[in-house]
Amino acid sequence: MAKKQVKTIKVTLVKSPTGYDKRQAKIVEALGFKKLGQTRVLPDNDCIRGSIFKVNHLLKVEEEA
């Protein structure tokens, strides 16, 4: 039986959440970012997409195959 491929997205923190609403800083932290310029590979699901939508002005998102 073949394993199901999990779609992923590559997300990079390009702007600091400092100076924005504190909720946005908590969302960035919940996505796993600790430093500016850090890149994370995250599963492509509705929960992650919703979080990214809230702070999309701070992130760069790339689709992965």
PDB file of N, CA and C in Angstrom:
ATOM      1  N   MET A   1       0.843  -1.181   0.000  1.00  0.00           N
ATOM      2  CA  MET A   1       0.000   0.000   0.000  1.00  0.00           C
ATOM      3  C   MET A   1       0.894   1.252   0.000  1.00  0.00           C
ATOM      4  N   ALA A   2       0.657   2.155  -0.925  1.00  0.00           N
ATOM      5  CA  ALA A   2       1.459   3.372  -1.046  1.00  0.00           C
ATOM      6  C   ALA A   2       1.051   4.386   0.018  1.00  0.00           C
ATOM      7  N   LYS A   3       2.060   5.113   0.507  1.00  0.00           N
ATOM      8  CA  LYS A   3       1.769   6.148   1.497  1.00  0.00           C
ATOM      9  C   LYS A   3       1.223   7.384   0.808  1.00  0.00           C
ATOM     10  N   LYS A   4       0.332   8.063   1.485  1.00  0.00           N
ATOM     11  CA  LYS A   4      -0.284   9.281   0.950  1.00  0.00           C
ATOM     12  C   LYS A   4       0.717  10.436   1.065  1.00  0.00           C
ATOM     13  N   GLN A   5       0.924  11.148  -0.034  1.00  0.00           N
ATOM     14  CA  GLN A   5       1.817  12.303  -0.037  1.00  0.00           C
ATOM     15  C   GLN A   5       1.145  13.473   0.683  1.00  0.00           C
ATOM     16  N   VAL A   6       1.849  14.066   1.625  1.00  0.00           N
ATOM     17  CA  VAL A   6       1.326  15.228   2.333  1.00  0.00           C
ATOM     18  C   VAL A   6       1.828  16.477   1.620  1.00  0.00           C
ATOM     19  N   LYS A   7       0.915  17.333   1.194  1.00  0.00           N
ATOM     20  CA  LYS A   7       1.307  18.577   0.540  1.00  0.00           C
ATOM     21  C   LYS A   7       1.907  19.510   1.584  1.00  0.00           C
ATOM     22  N   THR A   8       2.928  20.242   1.184  1.00  0.00           N
ATOM     23  CA  THR A   8       3.580  21.165   2.107  1.00  0.00           C
ATOM     24  C   THR A   8       3.729  22.530   1.448  1.00  0.00           C
ATOM     25  N   ILE A   9       3.934  23.533   2.298  1.00  0.00           N
ATOM     26  CA  ILE A   9       4.217  24.886   1.824  1.00  0.00           C
ATOM     27  C   ILE A   9       5.446  25.386   2.569  1.00  0.00           C
ATOM     28  N   LYS A  10       6.242  26.179   1.883  1.00  0.00           N
ATOM     29  CA  LYS A  10       7.458  26.749   2.455  1.00  0.00           C
ATOM     30  C   LYS A  10       7.140  28.194   2.838  1.00  0.00           C
ATOM     31  N   VAL A  11       7.283  28.519   4.114  1.00  0.00           N
ATOM     32  CA  VAL A  11       6.899  29.837   4.628  1.00  0.00           C
ATOM     33  C   VAL A  11       8.123  30.486   5.266  1.00  0.00           C
ATOM     34  N   THR A  12       8.382  31.749   4.917  1.00  0.00           N
ATOM     35  CA  THR A  12       9.517  32.492   5.448  1.00  0.00           C
ATOM     36  C   THR A  12       9.016  33.757   6.137  1.00  0.00           C
ATOM     37  N   LEU A  13       9.540  34.021   7.323  1.00  0.00           N
ATOM     38  CA  LEU A  13       9.205  35.250   8.054  1.00  0.00           C
ATOM     39  C   LEU A  13      10.083  36.375   7.510  1.00  0.00           C
ATOM     40  N   VAL A  14       9.486  37.348   6.820  1.00  0.00           N
ATOM     41  CA  VAL A  14      10.255  38.415   6.167  1.00  0.00           C
ATOM     42  C   VAL A  14      10.104  39.771   6.857  1.00  0.00           C
ATOM     43  N   LYS A  15       9.147  39.877   7.766  1.00  0.00           N
ATOM     44  CA  LYS A  15       8.937  41.147   8.467  1.00  0.00           C
ATOM     45  C   LYS A  15       8.605  40.852   9.923  1.00  0.00           C
ATOM     46  N   SER A  16       9.120  41.657  10.805  1.00  0.00           N
ATOM     47  CA  SER A  16       8.927  41.443  12.236  1.00  0.00           C
ATOM     48  C   SER A  16       7.500  41.783  12.673  1.00  0.00           C
ATOM     49  N   PRO A  17       6.922  40.971  13.562  1.00  0.00           N
ATOM     50  CA  PRO A  17       5.578  41.280  14.067  1.00  0.00           C
ATOM     51  C   PRO A  17       5.571  42.387  15.124  1.00  0.00           C
ATOM     52  N   THR A  18       6.742  42.887  15.506  1.00  0.00           N
ATOM     53  CA  THR A  18       6.821  43.974  16.473  1.00  0.00           C
ATOM     54  C   THR A  18       6.145  45.211  15.900  1.00  0.00           C
ATOM     55  N   GLY A  19       5.280  45.816  16.678  1.00  0.00           N
ATOM     56  CA  GLY A  19       4.567  47.005  16.240  1.00  0.00           C
ATOM     57  C   GLY A  19       3.184  46.702  15.699  1.00  0.00           C
ATOM     58  N   TYR A  20       2.887  45.417  15.510  1.00  0.00           N
ATOM     59  CA  TYR A  20       1.557  45.011  15.069  1.00  0.00           C
ATOM     60  C   TYR A  20       0.774  44.497  16.271  1.00  0.00           C
ATOM     61  N   ASP A  21      -0.458  44.141  16.039  1.00  0.00           N
ATOM     62  CA  ASP A  21      -1.322  43.608  17.090  1.00  0.00           C
ATOM     63  C   ASP A  21      -0.657  42.400  17.769  1.00  0.00           C
ATOM     64  N   LYS A  22      -0.783  42.283  19.074  1.00  0.00           N
ATOM     65  CA  LYS A  22      -0.151  41.191  19.819  1.00  0.00           C
ATOM     66  C   LYS A  22      -0.669  39.822  19.386  1.00  0.00           C
ATOM     67  N   ARG A  23      -1.916  39.768  18.914  1.00  0.00           N
ATOM     68  CA  ARG A  23      -2.461  38.500  18.419  1.00  0.00           C
ATOM     69  C   ARG A  23      -1.677  38.002  17.213  1.00  0.00           C
ATOM     70  N   GLN A  24      -1.237  38.937  16.371  1.00  0.00           N
ATOM     71  CA  GLN A  24      -0.466  38.555  15.198  1.00  0.00           C
ATOM     72  C   GLN A  24       0.898  38.003  15.602  1.00  0.00           C
ATOM     73  N   ALA A  25       1.505  38.572  16.626  1.00  0.00           N
ATOM     74  CA  ALA A  25       2.781  38.053  17.117  1.00  0.00           C
ATOM     75  C   ALA A  25       2.613  36.635  17.660  1.00  0.00           C
ATOM     76  N   LYS A  26       1.492  36.373  18.310  1.00  0.00           N
ATOM     77  CA  LYS A  26       1.229  35.034  18.831  1.00  0.00           C
ATOM     78  C   LYS A  26       0.987  34.037  17.708  1.00  0.00           C
ATOM     79  N   ILE A  27       0.359  34.471  16.617  1.00  0.00           N
ATOM     80  CA  ILE A  27       0.149  33.590  15.470  1.00  0.00           C
ATOM     81  C   ILE A  27       1.490  33.229  14.837  1.00  0.00           C
ATOM     82  N   VAL A  28       2.376  34.220  14.690  1.00  0.00           N
ATOM     83  CA  VAL A  28       3.709  33.969  14.128  1.00  0.00           C
ATOM     84  C   VAL A  28       4.458  32.972  15.011  1.00  0.00           C
ATOM     85  N   GLU A  29       4.366  33.137  16.310  1.00  0.00           N
ATOM     86  CA  GLU A  29       5.009  32.213  17.250  1.00  0.00           C
ATOM     87  C   GLU A  29       4.399  30.815  17.156  1.00  0.00           C
ATOM     88  N   ALA A  30       3.090  30.739  17.006  1.00  0.00           N
ATOM     89  CA  ALA A  30       2.412  29.454  16.911  1.00  0.00           C
ATOM     90  C   ALA A  30       2.785  28.710  15.625  1.00  0.00           C
ATOM     91  N   LEU A  31       3.121  29.447  14.577  1.00  0.00           N
ATOM     92  CA  LEU A  31       3.572  28.820  13.336  1.00  0.00           C
ATOM     93  C   LEU A  31       4.998  28.280  13.473  1.00  0.00           C
ATOM     94  N   GLY A  32       5.677  28.631  14.564  1.00  0.00           N
ATOM     95  CA  GLY A  32       6.999  28.075  14.836  1.00  0.00           C
ATOM     96  C   GLY A  32       8.157  28.997  14.520  1.00  0.00           C
ATOM     97  N   PHE A  33       7.893  30.265  14.259  1.00  0.00           N
ATOM     98  CA  PHE A  33       8.963  31.203  13.939  1.00  0.00           C
ATOM     99  C   PHE A  33       9.527  31.828  15.198  1.00  0.00           C
ATOM    100  N   LYS A  34      10.862  31.891  15.257  1.00  0.00           N
ATOM    101  CA  LYS A  34      11.535  32.523  16.380  1.00  0.00           C
ATOM    102  C   LYS A  34      12.391  33.709  15.936  1.00  0.00           C
ATOM    103  N   LYS A  35      12.902  33.654  14.686  1.00  0.00           N
ATOM    104  CA  LYS A  35      13.801  34.696  14.195  1.00  0.00           C
ATOM    105  C   LYS A  35      13.349  35.202  12.829  1.00  0.00           C
ATOM    106  N   LEU A  36      13.699  36.432  12.539  1.00  0.00           N
ATOM    107  CA  LEU A  36      13.439  37.030  11.246  1.00  0.00           C
ATOM    108  C   LEU A  36      14.269  36.316  10.187  1.00  0.00           C
ATOM    109  N   GLY A  37      13.670  36.001   9.058  1.00  0.00           N
ATOM    110  CA  GLY A  37      14.375  35.306   7.988  1.00  0.00           C
ATOM    111  C   GLY A  37      14.311  33.790   8.092  1.00  0.00           C
ATOM    112  N   GLN A  38      13.722  33.290   9.150  1.00  0.00           N
ATOM    113  CA  GLN A  38      13.617  31.841   9.353  1.00  0.00           C
ATOM    114  C   GLN A  38      12.586  31.257   8.385  1.00  0.00           C
ATOM    115  N   THR A  39      12.886  30.064   7.863  1.00  0.00           N
ATOM    116  CA  THR A  39      11.993  29.380   6.930  1.00  0.00           C
ATOM    117  C   THR A  39      11.500  28.090   7.556  1.00  0.00           C
ATOM    118  N   ARG A  40      10.221  27.811   7.392  1.00  0.00           N
ATOM    119  CA  ARG A  40       9.610  26.586   7.898  1.00  0.00           C
ATOM    120  C   ARG A  40       8.866  25.902   6.772  1.00  0.00           C
ATOM    121  N   VAL A  41       8.889  24.584   6.773  1.00  0.00           N
ATOM    122  CA  VAL A  41       8.084  23.797   5.844  1.00  0.00           C
ATOM    123  C   VAL A  41       6.917  23.252   6.651  1.00  0.00           C
ATOM    124  N   LEU A  42       5.708  23.680   6.288  1.00  0.00           N
ATOM    125  CA  LEU A  42       4.507  23.363   7.054  1.00  0.00           C
ATOM    126  C   LEU A  42       3.531  22.569   6.200  1.00  0.00           C
ATOM    127  N   PRO A  43       2.693  21.737   6.822  1.00  0.00           N
ATOM    128  CA  PRO A  43       1.681  21.012   6.056  1.00  0.00           C
ATOM    129  C   PRO A  43       0.660  21.988   5.479  1.00  0.00           C
ATOM    130  N   ASP A  44       0.188  21.686   4.293  1.00  0.00           N
ATOM    131  CA  ASP A  44      -0.779  22.548   3.625  1.00  0.00           C
ATOM    132  C   ASP A  44      -2.187  22.089   3.990  1.00  0.00           C
ATOM    133  N   ASN A  45      -2.724  22.671   5.068  1.00  0.00           N
ATOM    134  CA  ASN A  45      -4.086  22.341   5.487  1.00  0.00           C
ATOM    135  C   ASN A  45      -4.830  23.631   5.843  1.00  0.00           C
ATOM    136  N   ASP A  46      -6.104  23.503   6.123  1.00  0.00           N
ATOM    137  CA  ASP A  46      -6.944  24.675   6.370  1.00  0.00           C
ATOM    138  C   ASP A  46      -6.502  25.479   7.590  1.00  0.00           C
ATOM    139  N   CYS A  47      -6.072  24.807   8.633  1.00  0.00           N
ATOM    140  CA  CYS A  47      -5.657  25.487   9.865  1.00  0.00           C
ATOM    141  C   CYS A  47      -4.427  26.359   9.615  1.00  0.00           C
ATOM    142  N   ILE A  48      -3.433  25.808   8.952  1.00  0.00           N
ATOM    143  CA  ILE A  48      -2.210  26.554   8.650  1.00  0.00           C
ATOM    144  C   ILE A  48      -2.516  27.690   7.675  1.00  0.00           C
ATOM    145  N   ARG A  49      -3.333  27.415   6.662  1.00  0.00           N
ATOM    146  CA  ARG A  49      -3.698  28.450   5.692  1.00  0.00           C
ATOM    147  C   ARG A  49      -4.426  29.617   6.358  1.00  0.00           C
ATOM    148  N   GLY A  50      -5.285  29.329   7.328  1.00  0.00           N
ATOM    149  CA  GLY A  50      -5.995  30.383   8.046  1.00  0.00           C
ATOM    150  C   GLY A  50      -5.051  31.252   8.856  1.00  0.00           C
ATOM    151  N   SER A  51      -4.079  30.607   9.507  1.00  0.00           N
ATOM    152  CA  SER A  51      -3.086  31.355  10.287  1.00  0.00           C
ATOM    153  C   SER A  51      -2.235  32.231   9.376  1.00  0.00           C
ATOM    154  N   ILE A  52      -1.829  31.684   8.246  1.00  0.00           N
ATOM    155  CA  ILE A  52      -1.019  32.443   7.290  1.00  0.00           C
ATOM    156  C   ILE A  52      -1.818  33.633   6.756  1.00  0.00           C
ATOM    157  N   PHE A  53      -3.104  33.449   6.497  1.00  0.00           N
ATOM    158  CA  PHE A  53      -3.950  34.528   5.992  1.00  0.00           C
ATOM    159  C   PHE A  53      -3.978  35.716   6.954  1.00  0.00           C
ATOM    160  N   LYS A  54      -3.978  35.425   8.264  1.00  0.00           N
ATOM    161  CA  LYS A  54      -4.034  36.493   9.277  1.00  0.00           C
ATOM    162  C   LYS A  54      -2.770  37.346   9.301  1.00  0.00           C
ATOM    163  N   VAL A  55      -1.617  36.749   8.955  1.00  0.00           N
ATOM    164  CA  VAL A  55      -0.341  37.466   9.032  1.00  0.00           C
ATOM    165  C   VAL A  55       0.405  37.431   7.698  1.00  0.00           C
ATOM    166  N   ASN A  56      -0.339  37.399   6.584  1.00  0.00           N
ATOM    167  CA  ASN A  56       0.306  37.265   5.278  1.00  0.00           C
ATOM    168  C   ASN A  56       1.192  38.456   4.916  1.00  0.00           C
ATOM    169  N   HIS A  57       1.009  39.601   5.553  1.00  0.00           N
ATOM    170  CA  HIS A  57       1.852  40.760   5.299  1.00  0.00           C
ATOM    171  C   HIS A  57       3.237  40.615   5.929  1.00  0.00           C
ATOM    172  N   LEU A  58       3.420  39.612   6.782  1.00  0.00           N
ATOM    173  CA  LEU A  58       4.696  39.373   7.445  1.00  0.00           C
ATOM    174  C   LEU A  58       5.447  38.180   6.852  1.00  0.00           C
ATOM    175  N   LEU A  59       4.806  37.435   5.985  1.00  0.00           N
ATOM    176  CA  LEU A  59       5.345  36.169   5.499  1.00  0.00           C
ATOM    177  C   LEU A  59       5.504  36.142   3.990  1.00  0.00           C
ATOM    178  N   LYS A  60       6.393  35.258   3.524  1.00  0.00           N
ATOM    179  CA  LYS A  60       6.490  34.921   2.111  1.00  0.00           C
ATOM    180  C   LYS A  60       6.166  33.445   2.004  1.00  0.00           C
ATOM    181  N   VAL A  61       5.215  33.094   1.161  1.00  0.00           N
ATOM    182  CA  VAL A  61       4.725  31.716   1.055  1.00  0.00           C
ATOM    183  C   VAL A  61       5.059  31.178  -0.336  1.00  0.00           C
ATOM    184  N   GLU A  62       5.631  29.966  -0.378  1.00  0.00           N
ATOM    185  CA  GLU A  62       5.954  29.303  -1.630  1.00  0.00           C
ATOM    186  C   GLU A  62       5.314  27.918  -1.621  1.00  0.00           C
ATOM    187  N   GLU A  63       4.715  27.540  -2.732  1.00  0.00           N
ATOM    188  CA  GLU A  63       4.116  26.208  -2.871  1.00  0.00           C
ATOM    189  C   GLU A  63       5.237  25.201  -3.085  1.00  0.00           C
ATOM    190  N   GLU A  64       5.106  24.029  -2.478  1.00  0.00           N
ATOM    191  CA  GLU A  64       6.058  22.935  -2.687  1.00  0.00           C
ATOM    192  C   GLU A  64       5.360  21.823  -3.436  1.00  0.00           C
ATOM    193  N   ALA A  65       6.118  21.057  -4.171  1.00  0.00           N
ATOM    194  CA  ALA A  65       5.546  19.956  -4.958  1.00  0.00           C
ATOM    195  C   ALA A  65       5.147  18.781  -4.099  1.00  0.00           C
TER     196      ALA A  65
END
